[in-house]
């Protein structure tokens, strides 16, 4: 079981992701904007972050860059979640520091595989 922070402003997507994560046995922290997500990441040190890219105010790429620049949160893996599945978007997410990139709509098997691969990599 891992502690996973979900930063997602769409209520339906948040509900789905949290349900999938809890069904897989993970503890879930939720934030509806980047600022709240950054605060939770710094205070609770989750094992992994699922970051929506299109957020109100500060976007997910800017938030990820801030996390990766902070020694306290730099090692937390970040999976970008986005409906924008263009090659340039994938490259931007990598440049910001995202470890993986998953296009919406979410496919639960792909989500679980991505989470498992990063959690296993973090333990080794």
PDB file of N, CA and C in Angstrom:
ATOM      1  N   UNK A   1       0.838  -1.186   0.000  1.00  0.00           N
ATOM      2  CA  UNK A   1       0.000   0.000   0.000  1.00  0.00           C
ATOM      3  C   UNK A   1       0.877   1.242   0.000  1.00  0.00           C
ATOM      4  N   UNK A   2       0.488   2.218  -0.798  1.00  0.00           N
ATOM      5  CA  UNK A   2       1.229   3.467  -0.897  1.00  0.00           C
ATOM      6  C   UNK A   2       0.304   4.628  -0.590  1.00  0.00           C
ATOM      7  N   UNK A   3       0.920   5.741  -0.248  1.00  0.00           N
ATOM      8  CA  UNK A   3       0.192   7.000  -0.077  1.00  0.00           C
ATOM      9  C   UNK A   3       0.316   7.750  -1.397  1.00  0.00           C
ATOM     10  N   UNK A   4      -0.824   8.060  -2.024  1.00  0.00           N
ATOM     11  CA  UNK A   4      -0.816   8.701  -3.339  1.00  0.00           C
ATOM     12  C   UNK A   4      -1.612  10.002  -3.277  1.00  0.00           C
ATOM     13  N   UNK A   5      -0.966  11.074  -3.715  1.00  0.00           N
ATOM     14  CA  UNK A   5      -1.610  12.384  -3.791  1.00  0.00           C
ATOM     15  C   UNK A   5      -2.166  12.565  -5.193  1.00  0.00           C
ATOM     16  N   UNK A   6      -3.460  12.870  -5.287  1.00  0.00           N
ATOM     17  CA  UNK A   6      -4.112  13.128  -6.573  1.00  0.00           C
ATOM     18  C   UNK A   6      -4.408  14.623  -6.644  1.00  0.00           C
ATOM     19  N   UNK A   7      -3.867  15.283  -7.661  1.00  0.00           N
ATOM     20  CA  UNK A   7      -4.125  16.709  -7.881  1.00  0.00           C
ATOM     21  C   UNK A   7      -4.926  16.807  -9.168  1.00  0.00           C
ATOM     22  N   UNK A   8      -6.222  17.062  -9.028  1.00  0.00           N
ATOM     23  CA  UNK A   8      -7.173  16.991 -10.147  1.00  0.00           C
ATOM     24  C   UNK A   8      -8.337  17.941  -9.858  1.00  0.00           C
ATOM     25  N   UNK A   9      -8.653  18.834 -10.796  1.00  0.00           N
ATOM     26  CA  UNK A   9      -9.729  19.802 -10.568  1.00  0.00           C
ATOM     27  C   UNK A   9     -11.098  19.327 -11.053  1.00  0.00           C
ATOM     28  N   UNK A  10     -11.133  18.280 -11.868  1.00  0.00           N
ATOM     29  CA  UNK A  10     -12.411  17.780 -12.372  1.00  0.00           C
ATOM     30  C   UNK A  10     -12.987  16.770 -11.372  1.00  0.00           C
ATOM     31  N   UNK A  11     -14.162  17.072 -10.839  1.00  0.00           N
ATOM     32  CA  UNK A  11     -14.749  16.243  -9.776  1.00  0.00           C
ATOM     33  C   UNK A  11     -14.974  14.796 -10.209  1.00  0.00           C
ATOM     34  N   UNK A  12     -15.442  14.581 -11.434  1.00  0.00           N
ATOM     35  CA  UNK A  12     -15.697  13.216 -11.911  1.00  0.00           C
ATOM     36  C   UNK A  12     -14.391  12.432 -12.038  1.00  0.00           C
ATOM     37  N   UNK A  13     -13.361  13.076 -12.575  1.00  0.00           N
ATOM     38  CA  UNK A  13     -12.056  12.412 -12.698  1.00  0.00           C
ATOM     39  C   UNK A  13     -11.477  12.110 -11.321  1.00  0.00           C
ATOM     40  N   UNK A  14     -11.603  13.062 -10.391  1.00  0.00           N
ATOM     41  CA  UNK A  14     -11.092  12.865  -9.034  1.00  0.00           C
ATOM     42  C   UNK A  14     -11.776  11.663  -8.387  1.00  0.00           C
ATOM     43  N   UNK A  15     -13.098  11.597  -8.527  1.00  0.00           N
ATOM     44  CA  UNK A  15     -13.856  10.496  -7.923  1.00  0.00           C
ATOM     45  C   UNK A  15     -13.403   9.154  -8.491  1.00  0.00           C
ATOM     46  N   UNK A  16     -13.252   9.087  -9.817  1.00  0.00           N
ATOM     47  CA  UNK A  16     -12.826   7.855 -10.476  1.00  0.00           C
ATOM     48  C   UNK A  16     -11.430   7.434 -10.022  1.00  0.00           C
ATOM     49  N   UNK A  17     -10.480   8.355 -10.053  1.00  0.00           N
ATOM     50  CA  UNK A  17      -9.100   8.031  -9.683  1.00  0.00           C
ATOM     51  C   UNK A  17      -9.034   7.579  -8.222  1.00  0.00           C
ATOM     52  N   UNK A  18      -9.711   8.297  -7.337  1.00  0.00           N
ATOM     53  CA  UNK A  18      -9.683   7.934  -5.916  1.00  0.00           C
ATOM     54  C   UNK A  18     -10.298   6.548  -5.695  1.00  0.00           C
ATOM     55  N   UNK A  19     -11.382   6.249  -6.389  1.00  0.00           N
ATOM     56  CA  UNK A  19     -12.012   4.933  -6.291  1.00  0.00           C
ATOM     57  C   UNK A  19     -11.049   3.837  -6.757  1.00  0.00           C
ATOM     58  N   UNK A  20     -10.405   4.049  -7.891  1.00  0.00           N
ATOM     59  CA  UNK A  20      -9.460   3.063  -8.426  1.00  0.00           C
ATOM     60  C   UNK A  20      -8.293   2.847  -7.466  1.00  0.00           C
ATOM     61  N   UNK A  21      -7.777   3.932  -6.907  1.00  0.00           N
ATOM     62  CA  UNK A  21      -6.630   3.823  -6.003  1.00  0.00           C
ATOM     63  C   UNK A  21      -7.013   3.115  -4.706  1.00  0.00           C
ATOM     64  N   UNK A  22      -8.163   3.481  -4.158  1.00  0.00           N
ATOM     65  CA  UNK A  22      -8.604   2.837  -2.912  1.00  0.00           C
ATOM     66  C   UNK A  22      -8.901   1.357  -3.137  1.00  0.00           C
ATOM     67  N   UNK A  23      -9.482   1.029  -4.300  1.00  0.00           N
ATOM     68  CA  UNK A  23      -9.743  -0.377  -4.632  1.00  0.00           C
ATOM     69  C   UNK A  23      -8.447  -1.176  -4.708  1.00  0.00           C
ATOM     70  N   UNK A  24      -7.361  -0.514  -5.085  1.00  0.00           N
ATOM     71  CA  UNK A  24      -6.058  -1.174  -5.182  1.00  0.00           C
ATOM     72  C   UNK A  24      -5.327  -1.183  -3.834  1.00  0.00           C
ATOM     73  N   UNK A  25      -5.978  -0.622  -2.790  1.00  0.00           N
ATOM     74  CA  UNK A  25      -5.400  -0.666  -1.455  1.00  0.00           C
ATOM     75  C   UNK A  25      -4.526   0.509  -1.074  1.00  0.00           C
ATOM     76  N   UNK A  26      -4.537   1.563  -1.874  1.00  0.00           N
ATOM     77  CA  UNK A  26      -3.692   2.725  -1.574  1.00  0.00           C
ATOM     78  C   UNK A  26      -4.428   3.733  -0.687  1.00  0.00           C
ATOM     79  N   UNK A  27      -3.647   4.494   0.084  1.00  0.00           N
ATOM     80  CA  UNK A  27      -4.184   5.634   0.833  1.00  0.00           C
ATOM     81  C   UNK A  27      -4.164   6.820  -0.123  1.00  0.00           C
ATOM     82  N   UNK A  28      -5.228   7.625  -0.131  1.00  0.00           N
ATOM     83  CA  UNK A  28      -5.356   8.694  -1.112  1.00  0.00           C
ATOM     84  C   UNK A  28      -5.478  10.051  -0.430  1.00  0.00           C
ATOM     85  N   UNK A  29      -4.686  11.002  -0.920  1.00  0.00           N
ATOM     86  CA  UNK A  29      -4.793  12.412  -0.541  1.00  0.00           C
ATOM     87  C   UNK A  29      -5.322  13.132  -1.771  1.00  0.00           C
ATOM     88  N   UNK A  30      -6.195  14.124  -1.583  1.00  0.00           N
ATOM     89  CA  UNK A  30      -6.803  14.797  -2.728  1.00  0.00           C
ATOM     90  C   UNK A  30      -6.599  16.307  -2.669  1.00  0.00           C
ATOM     91  N   UNK A  31      -6.309  16.894  -3.823  1.00  0.00           N
ATOM     92  CA  UNK A  31      -6.195  18.348  -3.946  1.00  0.00           C
ATOM     93  C   UNK A  31      -6.845  18.754  -5.261  1.00  0.00           C
ATOM     94  N   UNK A  32      -7.585  19.867  -5.234  1.00  0.00           N
ATOM     95  CA  UNK A  32      -8.285  20.321  -6.442  1.00  0.00           C
ATOM     96  C   UNK A  32      -7.532  21.421  -7.197  1.00  0.00           C
ATOM     97  N   UNK A  33      -6.374  21.850  -6.657  1.00  0.00           N
ATOM     98  CA  UNK A  33      -5.556  22.830  -7.370  1.00  0.00           C
ATOM     99  C   UNK A  33      -4.091  22.617  -7.019  1.00  0.00           C
ATOM    100  N   UNK A  34      -3.215  23.227  -7.800  1.00  0.00           N
ATOM    101  CA  UNK A  34      -1.776  23.012  -7.637  1.00  0.00           C
ATOM    102  C   UNK A  34      -1.271  23.500  -6.283  1.00  0.00           C
ATOM    103  N   UNK A  35      -1.757  24.638  -5.840  1.00  0.00           N
ATOM    104  CA  UNK A  35      -1.274  25.208  -4.580  1.00  0.00           C
ATOM    105  C   UNK A  35      -1.566  24.273  -3.401  1.00  0.00           C
ATOM    106  N   UNK A  36      -2.788  23.742  -3.343  1.00  0.00           N
ATOM    107  CA  UNK A  36      -3.151  22.800  -2.284  1.00  0.00           C
ATOM    108  C   UNK A  36      -2.312  21.530  -2.415  1.00  0.00           C
ATOM    109  N   UNK A  37      -2.124  21.078  -3.638  1.00  0.00           N
ATOM    110  CA  UNK A  37      -1.313  19.890  -3.888  1.00  0.00           C
ATOM    111  C   UNK A  37       0.125  20.056  -3.428  1.00  0.00           C
ATOM    112  N   UNK A  38       0.709  21.223  -3.704  1.00  0.00           N
ATOM    113  CA  UNK A  38       2.085  21.486  -3.268  1.00  0.00           C
ATOM    114  C   UNK A  38       2.172  21.458  -1.746  1.00  0.00           C
ATOM    115  N   UNK A  39       1.200  22.051  -1.075  1.00  0.00           N
ATOM    116  CA  UNK A  39       1.189  22.055   0.392  1.00  0.00           C
ATOM    117  C   UNK A  39       1.100  20.637   0.943  1.00  0.00           C
ATOM    118  N   UNK A  40       0.203  19.827   0.371  1.00  0.00           N
ATOM    119  CA  UNK A  40       0.056  18.444   0.821  1.00  0.00           C
ATOM    120  C   UNK A  40       1.321  17.625   0.543  1.00  0.00           C
ATOM    121  N   UNK A  41       1.937  17.849  -0.599  1.00  0.00           N
ATOM    122  CA  UNK A  41       3.162  17.117  -0.938  1.00  0.00           C
ATOM    123  C   UNK A  41       4.255  17.432   0.085  1.00  0.00           C
ATOM    124  N   UNK A  42       4.357  18.697   0.469  1.00  0.00           N
ATOM    125  CA  UNK A  42       5.402  19.105   1.417  1.00  0.00           C
ATOM    126  C   UNK A  42       5.109  18.630   2.833  1.00  0.00           C
ATOM    127  N   UNK A  43       3.836  18.606   3.212  1.00  0.00           N
ATOM    128  CA  UNK A  43       3.499  18.234   4.597  1.00  0.00           C
ATOM    129  C   UNK A  43       3.362  16.723   4.793  1.00  0.00           C
ATOM    130  N   UNK A  44       2.843  16.018   3.789  1.00  0.00           N
ATOM    131  CA  UNK A  44       2.536  14.595   3.963  1.00  0.00           C
ATOM    132  C   UNK A  44       3.515  13.636   3.267  1.00  0.00           C
ATOM    133  N   UNK A  45       4.380  14.161   2.397  1.00  0.00           N
ATOM    134  CA  UNK A  45       5.373  13.350   1.672  1.00  0.00           C
ATOM    135  C   UNK A  45       4.783  12.046   1.124  1.00  0.00           C
ATOM    136  N   UNK A  46       3.837  12.146   0.167  1.00  0.00           N
ATOM    137  CA  UNK A  46       3.245  10.929  -0.407  1.00  0.00           C
ATOM    138  C   UNK A  46       4.303  10.118  -1.162  1.00  0.00           C
ATOM    139  N   UNK A  47       3.996   8.850  -1.395  1.00  0.00           N
ATOM    140  CA  UNK A  47       4.900   7.976  -2.138  1.00  0.00           C
ATOM    141  C   UNK A  47       4.885   8.284  -3.630  1.00  0.00           C
ATOM    142  N   UNK A  48       3.782   8.900  -4.104  1.00  0.00           N
ATOM    143  CA  UNK A  48       3.612   9.152  -5.531  1.00  0.00           C
ATOM    144  C   UNK A  48       2.562  10.245  -5.711  1.00  0.00           C
ATOM    145  N   UNK A  49       2.665  10.994  -6.817  1.00  0.00           N
ATOM    146  CA  UNK A  49       1.693  12.046  -7.115  1.00  0.00           C
ATOM    147  C   UNK A  49       1.119  11.821  -8.517  1.00  0.00           C
ATOM    148  N   UNK A  50      -0.206  11.884  -8.616  1.00  0.00           N
ATOM    149  CA  UNK A  50      -0.886  11.903  -9.918  1.00  0.00           C
ATOM    150  C   UNK A  50      -1.273  13.357 -10.164  1.00  0.00           C
ATOM    151  N   UNK A  51      -0.702  13.967 -11.192  1.00  0.00           N
ATOM    152  CA  UNK A  51      -0.833  15.404 -11.436  1.00  0.00           C
ATOM    153  C   UNK A  51      -1.586  15.687 -12.727  1.00  0.00           C
ATOM    154  N   UNK A  52      -2.769  16.293 -12.595  1.00  0.00           N
ATOM    155  CA  UNK A  52      -3.478  16.771 -13.779  1.00  0.00           C
ATOM    156  C   UNK A  52      -2.658  17.930 -14.346  1.00  0.00           C
ATOM    157  N   UNK A  53      -2.564  18.019 -15.646  1.00  0.00           N
ATOM    158  CA  UNK A  53      -1.774  19.087 -16.263  1.00  0.00           C
ATOM    159  C   UNK A  53      -2.579  20.383 -16.369  1.00  0.00           C
ATOM    160  N   UNK A  54      -3.847  20.285 -16.718  1.00  0.00           N
ATOM    161  CA  UNK A  54      -4.677  21.474 -16.879  1.00  0.00           C
ATOM    162  C   UNK A  54      -5.410  21.765 -15.574  1.00  0.00           C
ATOM    163  N   UNK A  55      -4.802  22.626 -14.752  1.00  0.00           N
ATOM    164  CA  UNK A  55      -5.392  23.011 -13.473  1.00  0.00           C
ATOM    165  C   UNK A  55      -5.686  24.506 -13.483  1.00  0.00           C
ATOM    166  N   UNK A  56      -6.641  24.938 -12.667  1.00  0.00           N
ATOM    167  CA  UNK A  56      -6.900  26.382 -12.575  1.00  0.00           C
ATOM    168  C   UNK A  56      -5.723  27.070 -11.884  1.00  0.00           C
ATOM    169  N   UNK A  57      -5.426  28.286 -12.270  1.00  0.00           N
ATOM    170  CA  UNK A  57      -4.287  28.982 -11.668  1.00  0.00           C
ATOM    171  C   UNK A  57      -2.994  28.370 -12.177  1.00  0.00           C
ATOM    172  N   UNK A  58      -2.155  27.919 -11.269  1.00  0.00           N
ATOM    173  CA  UNK A  58      -0.896  27.271 -11.643  1.00  0.00           C
ATOM    174  C   UNK A  58      -1.196  25.919 -12.287  1.00  0.00           C
ATOM    175  N   UNK A  59      -0.608  25.667 -13.469  1.00  0.00           N
ATOM    176  CA  UNK A  59      -0.864  24.377 -14.116  1.00  0.00           C
ATOM    177  C   UNK A  59       0.014  23.276 -13.514  1.00  0.00           C
ATOM    178  N   UNK A  60      -0.283  22.041 -13.892  1.00  0.00           N
ATOM    179  CA  UNK A  60       0.405  20.894 -13.333  1.00  0.00           C
ATOM    180  C   UNK A  60       1.887  20.823 -13.677  1.00  0.00           C
ATOM    181  N   UNK A  61       2.264  21.363 -14.842  1.00  0.00           N
ATOM    182  CA  UNK A  61       3.676  21.339 -15.217  1.00  0.00           C
ATOM    183  C   UNK A  61       4.478  22.292 -14.337  1.00  0.00           C
ATOM    184  N   UNK A  62       3.936  23.475 -14.069  1.00  0.00           N
ATOM    185  CA  UNK A  62       4.608  24.436 -13.187  1.00  0.00           C
ATOM    186  C   UNK A  62       4.712  23.863 -11.777  1.00  0.00           C
ATOM    187  N   UNK A  63       3.645  23.221 -11.318  1.00  0.00           N
ATOM    188  CA  UNK A  63       3.651  22.624  -9.978  1.00  0.00           C
ATOM    189  C   UNK A  63       4.681  21.503  -9.894  1.00  0.00           C
ATOM    190  N   UNK A  64       4.755  20.667 -10.932  1.00  0.00           N
ATOM    191  CA  UNK A  64       5.742  19.585 -10.948  1.00  0.00           C
ATOM    192  C   UNK A  64       7.155  20.145 -10.915  1.00  0.00           C
ATOM    193  N   UNK A  65       7.411  21.185 -11.693  1.00  0.00           N
ATOM    194  CA  UNK A  65       8.741  21.804 -11.701  1.00  0.00           C
ATOM    195  C   UNK A  65       9.112  22.294 -10.301  1.00  0.00           C
ATOM    196  N   UNK A  66       8.155  22.895  -9.591  1.00  0.00           N
ATOM    197  CA  UNK A  66       8.421  23.361  -8.221  1.00  0.00           C
ATOM    198  C   UNK A  66       8.727  22.185  -7.288  1.00  0.00           C
ATOM    199  N   UNK A  67       7.970  21.105  -7.420  1.00  0.00           N
ATOM    200  CA  UNK A  67       8.219  19.912  -6.601  1.00  0.00           C
ATOM    201  C   UNK A  67       9.622  19.359  -6.847  1.00  0.00           C
ATOM    202  N   UNK A  68      10.026  19.317  -8.100  1.00  0.00           N
ATOM    203  CA  UNK A  68      11.317  18.735  -8.458  1.00  0.00           C
ATOM    204  C   UNK A  68      12.491  19.645  -8.074  1.00  0.00           C
ATOM    205  N   UNK A  69      12.235  20.943  -7.888  1.00  0.00           N
ATOM    206  CA  UNK A  69      13.288  21.884  -7.472  1.00  0.00           C
ATOM    207  C   UNK A  69      13.468  21.896  -5.952  1.00  0.00           C
ATOM    208  N   UNK A  70      12.508  21.346  -5.220  1.00  0.00           N
ATOM    209  CA  UNK A  70      12.522  21.355  -3.762  1.00  0.00           C
ATOM    210  C   UNK A  70      13.123  20.041  -3.263  1.00  0.00           C
ATOM    211  N   UNK A  71      14.220  20.116  -2.506  1.00  0.00           N
ATOM    212  CA  UNK A  71      14.905  18.905  -2.034  1.00  0.00           C
ATOM    213  C   UNK A  71      13.967  17.993  -1.235  1.00  0.00           C
ATOM    214  N   UNK A  72      12.990  18.568  -0.539  1.00  0.00           N
ATOM    215  CA  UNK A  72      12.074  17.779   0.291  1.00  0.00           C
ATOM    216  C   UNK A  72      11.099  16.944  -0.544  1.00  0.00           C
ATOM    217  N   UNK A  73      10.819  17.362  -1.778  1.00  0.00           N
ATOM    218  CA  UNK A  73       9.822  16.665  -2.604  1.00  0.00           C
ATOM    219  C   UNK A  73      10.377  16.170  -3.943  1.00  0.00           C
ATOM    220  N   UNK A  74      11.623  16.446  -4.229  1.00  0.00           N
ATOM    221  CA  UNK A  74      12.198  16.124  -5.546  1.00  0.00           C
ATOM    222  C   UNK A  74      12.156  14.636  -5.885  1.00  0.00           C
ATOM    223  N   UNK A  75      12.255  13.784  -4.870  1.00  0.00           N
ATOM    224  CA  UNK A  75      12.308  12.337  -5.130  1.00  0.00           C
ATOM    225  C   UNK A  75      10.934  11.695  -5.294  1.00  0.00           C
ATOM    226  N   UNK A  76       9.855  12.441  -5.056  1.00  0.00           N
ATOM    227  CA  UNK A  76       8.512  11.867  -5.189  1.00  0.00           C
ATOM    228  C   UNK A  76       8.187  11.720  -6.682  1.00  0.00           C
ATOM    229  N   UNK A  77       7.897  10.495  -7.140  1.00  0.00           N
ATOM    230  CA  UNK A  77       7.557  10.327  -8.550  1.00  0.00           C
ATOM    231  C   UNK A  77       6.221  11.017  -8.885  1.00  0.00           C
ATOM    232  N   UNK A  78       6.166  11.598 -10.084  1.00  0.00           N
ATOM    233  CA  UNK A  78       4.966  12.294 -10.547  1.00  0.00           C
ATOM    234  C   UNK A  78       4.519  11.693 -11.868  1.00  0.00           C
ATOM    235  N   UNK A  79       3.241  11.319 -11.921  1.00  0.00           N
ATOM    236  CA  UNK A  79       2.633  10.856 -13.172  1.00  0.00           C
ATOM    237  C   UNK A  79       1.717  11.964 -13.671  1.00  0.00           C
ATOM    238  N   UNK A  80       1.989  12.457 -14.871  1.00  0.00           N
ATOM    239  CA  UNK A  80       1.145  13.475 -15.491  1.00  0.00           C
ATOM    240  C   UNK A  80      -0.116  12.816 -16.033  1.00  0.00           C
ATOM    241  N   UNK A  81      -1.258  13.430 -15.746  1.00  0.00           N
ATOM    242  CA  UNK A  81      -2.544  12.973 -16.292  1.00  0.00           C
ATOM    243  C   UNK A  81      -3.085  14.085 -17.171  1.00  0.00           C
ATOM    244  N   UNK A  82      -3.360  13.774 -18.421  1.00  0.00           N
ATOM    245  CA  UNK A  82      -3.845  14.838 -19.293  1.00  0.00           C
ATOM    246  C   UNK A  82      -4.690  14.312 -20.443  1.00  0.00           C
ATOM    247  N   UNK A  83      -5.600  15.146 -20.879  1.00  0.00           N
ATOM    248  CA  UNK A  83      -6.404  14.824 -22.060  1.00  0.00           C
ATOM    249  C   UNK A  83      -5.648  15.228 -23.328  1.00  0.00           C
ATOM    250  N   UNK A  84      -4.561  15.998 -23.162  1.00  0.00           N
ATOM    251  CA  UNK A  84      -3.760  16.442 -24.311  1.00  0.00           C
ATOM    252  C   UNK A  84      -2.694  15.391 -24.584  1.00  0.00           C
ATOM    253  N   UNK A  85      -2.904  14.592 -25.601  1.00  0.00           N
ATOM    254  CA  UNK A  85      -2.008  13.459 -25.837  1.00  0.00           C
ATOM    255  C   UNK A  85      -1.103  13.661 -27.054  1.00  0.00           C
ATOM    256  N   UNK A  86      -0.689  14.881 -27.296  1.00  0.00           N
ATOM    257  CA  UNK A  86       0.207  15.153 -28.418  1.00  0.00           C
ATOM    258  C   UNK A  86       1.646  14.899 -27.983  1.00  0.00           C
ATOM    259  N   UNK A  87       2.513  14.592 -28.947  1.00  0.00           N
ATOM    260  CA  UNK A  87       3.921  14.308 -28.641  1.00  0.00           C
ATOM    261  C   UNK A  87       4.573  15.489 -27.910  1.00  0.00           C
ATOM    262  N   UNK A  88       4.272  16.704 -28.316  1.00  0.00           N
ATOM    263  CA  UNK A  88       4.861  17.883 -27.677  1.00  0.00           C
ATOM    264  C   UNK A  88       4.436  17.983 -26.209  1.00  0.00           C
ATOM    265  N   UNK A  89       3.192  17.584 -25.904  1.00  0.00           N
ATOM    266  CA  UNK A  89       2.715  17.621 -24.524  1.00  0.00           C
ATOM    267  C   UNK A  89       3.480  16.614 -23.668  1.00  0.00           C
ATOM    268  N   UNK A  90       3.741  15.455 -24.235  1.00  0.00           N
ATOM    269  CA  UNK A  90       4.510  14.429 -23.528  1.00  0.00           C
ATOM    270  C   UNK A  90       5.918  14.958 -23.226  1.00  0.00           C
ATOM    271  N   UNK A  91       6.532  15.605 -24.206  1.00  0.00           N
ATOM    272  CA  UNK A  91       7.876  16.157 -24.030  1.00  0.00           C
ATOM    273  C   UNK A  91       7.877  17.268 -22.978  1.00  0.00           C
ATOM    274  N   UNK A  92       6.845  18.107 -22.972  1.00  0.00           N
ATOM    275  CA  UNK A  92       6.745  19.179 -21.966  1.00  0.00           C
ATOM    276  C   UNK A  92       6.623  18.592 -20.564  1.00  0.00           C
ATOM    277  N   UNK A  93       5.855  17.511 -20.427  1.00  0.00           N
ATOM    278  CA  UNK A  93       5.690  16.898 -19.109  1.00  0.00           C
ATOM    279  C   UNK A  93       7.021  16.321 -18.619  1.00  0.00           C
ATOM    280  N   UNK A  94       7.780  15.714 -19.507  1.00  0.00           N
ATOM    281  CA  UNK A  94       9.109  15.192 -19.153  1.00  0.00           C
ATOM    282  C   UNK A  94      10.039  16.340 -18.738  1.00  0.00           C
ATOM    283  N   UNK A  95      10.015  17.419 -19.517  1.00  0.00           N
ATOM    284  CA  UNK A  95      10.887  18.560 -19.225  1.00  0.00           C
ATOM    285  C   UNK A  95      10.573  19.173 -17.858  1.00  0.00           C
ATOM    286  N   UNK A  96       9.303  19.139 -17.465  1.00  0.00           N
ATOM    287  CA  UNK A  96       8.897  19.691 -16.167  1.00  0.00           C
ATOM    288  C   UNK A  96       9.291  18.773 -15.014  1.00  0.00           C
ATOM    289  N   UNK A  97       9.596  17.509 -15.325  1.00  0.00           N
ATOM    290  CA  UNK A  97      10.024  16.580 -14.283  1.00  0.00           C
ATOM    291  C   UNK A  97       9.082  15.418 -14.032  1.00  0.00           C
ATOM    292  N   UNK A  98       8.036  15.290 -14.836  1.00  0.00           N
ATOM    293  CA  UNK A  98       7.117  14.163 -14.660  1.00  0.00           C
ATOM    294  C   UNK A  98       7.837  12.862 -15.018  1.00  0.00           C
ATOM    295  N   UNK A  99       7.603  11.838 -14.215  1.00  0.00           N
ATOM    296  CA  UNK A  99       8.264  10.553 -14.436  1.00  0.00           C
ATOM    297  C   UNK A  99       7.555   9.729 -15.504  1.00  0.00           C
ATOM    298  N   UNK A 100       6.239   9.828 -15.550  1.00  0.00           N
ATOM    299  CA  UNK A 100       5.435   9.134 -16.556  1.00  0.00           C
ATOM    300  C   UNK A 100       4.298  10.047 -16.985  1.00  0.00           C
ATOM    301  N   UNK A 101       3.628   9.636 -18.044  1.00  0.00           N
ATOM    302  CA  UNK A 101       2.583  10.442 -18.671  1.00  0.00           C
ATOM    303  C   UNK A 101       1.451   9.498 -19.068  1.00  0.00           C
ATOM    304  N   UNK A 102       0.246   9.781 -18.600  1.00  0.00           N
ATOM    305  CA  UNK A 102      -0.910   8.959 -18.955  1.00  0.00           C
ATOM    306  C   UNK A 102      -1.987   9.861 -19.552  1.00  0.00           C
ATOM    307  N   UNK A 103      -2.456   9.471 -20.733  1.00  0.00           N
ATOM    308  CA  UNK A 103      -3.511  10.235 -21.398  1.00  0.00           C
ATOM    309  C   UNK A 103      -4.876   9.832 -20.855  1.00  0.00           C
ATOM    310  N   UNK A 104      -5.770  10.819 -20.737  1.00  0.00           N
ATOM    311  CA  UNK A 104      -7.155  10.553 -20.367  1.00  0.00           C
ATOM    312  C   UNK A 104      -7.921  10.266 -21.652  1.00  0.00           C
ATOM    313  N   UNK A 105      -8.985   9.514 -21.625  1.00  0.00           N
ATOM    314  CA  UNK A 105      -9.582   8.907 -20.435  1.00  0.00           C
ATOM    315  C   UNK A 105      -8.694   7.796 -19.867  1.00  0.00           C
ATOM    316  N   UNK A 106      -8.697   7.704 -18.539  1.00  0.00           N
ATOM    317  CA  UNK A 106      -7.859   6.728 -17.852  1.00  0.00           C
ATOM    318  C   UNK A 106      -8.296   5.308 -18.143  1.00  0.00           C
ATOM    319  N   UNK A 107      -7.291   4.453 -18.289  1.00  0.00           N
ATOM    320  CA  UNK A 107      -7.533   3.031 -18.383  1.00  0.00           C
ATOM    321  C   UNK A 107      -6.906   2.438 -17.126  1.00  0.00           C
ATOM    322  N   UNK A 108      -7.711   1.792 -16.308  1.00  0.00           N
ATOM    323  CA  UNK A 108      -7.237   1.406 -14.981  1.00  0.00           C
ATOM    324  C   UNK A 108      -6.018   0.488 -15.006  1.00  0.00           C
ATOM    325  N   UNK A 109      -5.939  -0.422 -15.984  1.00  0.00           N
ATOM    326  CA  UNK A 109      -4.780  -1.317 -16.036  1.00  0.00           C
ATOM    327  C   UNK A 109      -3.499  -0.527 -16.311  1.00  0.00           C
ATOM    328  N   UNK A 110      -3.593   0.459 -17.198  1.00  0.00           N
ATOM    329  CA  UNK A 110      -2.437   1.308 -17.506  1.00  0.00           C
ATOM    330  C   UNK A 110      -2.049   2.129 -16.268  1.00  0.00           C
ATOM    331  N   UNK A 111      -3.049   2.655 -15.562  1.00  0.00           N
ATOM    332  CA  UNK A 111      -2.796   3.429 -14.346  1.00  0.00           C
ATOM    333  C   UNK A 111      -2.098   2.569 -13.291  1.00  0.00           C
ATOM    334  N   UNK A 112      -2.636   1.385 -13.019  1.00  0.00           N
ATOM    335  CA  UNK A 112      -2.044   0.496 -12.018  1.00  0.00           C
ATOM    336  C   UNK A 112      -0.618   0.104 -12.398  1.00  0.00           C
ATOM    337  N   UNK A 113      -0.389  -0.203 -13.677  1.00  0.00           N
ATOM    338  CA  UNK A 113       0.947  -0.599 -14.132  1.00  0.00           C
ATOM    339  C   UNK A 113       1.944   0.543 -13.954  1.00  0.00           C
ATOM    340  N   UNK A 114       1.520   1.757 -14.268  1.00  0.00           N
ATOM    341  CA  UNK A 114       2.403   2.924 -14.120  1.00  0.00           C
ATOM    342  C   UNK A 114       2.747   3.156 -12.657  1.00  0.00           C
ATOM    343  N   UNK A 115       1.749   3.098 -11.794  1.00  0.00           N
ATOM    344  CA  UNK A 115       1.971   3.289 -10.356  1.00  0.00           C
ATOM    345  C   UNK A 115       2.900   2.216  -9.824  1.00  0.00           C
ATOM    346  N   UNK A 116       2.619   0.960 -10.148  1.00  0.00           N
ATOM    347  CA  UNK A 116       3.450  -0.145  -9.663  1.00  0.00           C
ATOM    348  C   UNK A 116       4.897   0.001 -10.124  1.00  0.00           C
ATOM    349  N   UNK A 117       5.106   0.390 -11.389  1.00  0.00           N
ATOM    350  CA  UNK A 117       6.476   0.492 -11.899  1.00  0.00           C
ATOM    351  C   UNK A 117       7.252   1.576 -11.157  1.00  0.00           C
ATOM    352  N   UNK A 118       6.610   2.692 -10.844  1.00  0.00           N
ATOM    353  CA  UNK A 118       7.315   3.776 -10.156  1.00  0.00           C
ATOM    354  C   UNK A 118       7.532   3.439  -8.671  1.00  0.00           C
ATOM    355  N   UNK A 119       6.565   2.804  -8.047  1.00  0.00           N
ATOM    356  CA  UNK A 119       6.729   2.438  -6.638  1.00  0.00           C
ATOM    357  C   UNK A 119       7.825   1.387  -6.469  1.00  0.00           C
ATOM    358  N   UNK A 120       7.883   0.425  -7.393  1.00  0.00           N
ATOM    359  CA  UNK A 120       8.927  -0.605  -7.335  1.00  0.00           C
ATOM    360  C   UNK A 120      10.291   0.032  -7.590  1.00  0.00           C
ATOM    361  N   UNK A 121      10.364   0.937  -8.565  1.00  0.00           N
ATOM    362  CA  UNK A 121      11.631   1.623  -8.872  1.00  0.00           C
ATOM    363  C   UNK A 121      12.095   2.439  -7.661  1.00  0.00           C
ATOM    364  N   UNK A 122      11.150   3.033  -6.945  1.00  0.00           N
ATOM    365  CA  UNK A 122      11.497   3.845  -5.778  1.00  0.00           C
ATOM    366  C   UNK A 122      12.040   3.033  -4.626  1.00  0.00           C
ATOM    367  N   UNK A 123      11.663   1.766  -4.550  1.00  0.00           N
ATOM    368  CA  UNK A 123      12.116   0.909  -3.460  1.00  0.00           C
ATOM    369  C   UNK A 123      13.486   0.286  -3.743  1.00  0.00           C
ATOM    370  N   UNK A 124      13.868   0.248  -5.015  1.00  0.00           N
ATOM    371  CA  UNK A 124      15.140  -0.402  -5.352  1.00  0.00           C
ATOM    372  C   UNK A 124      16.305   0.574  -5.342  1.00  0.00           C
TER     373      UNK A 124
END
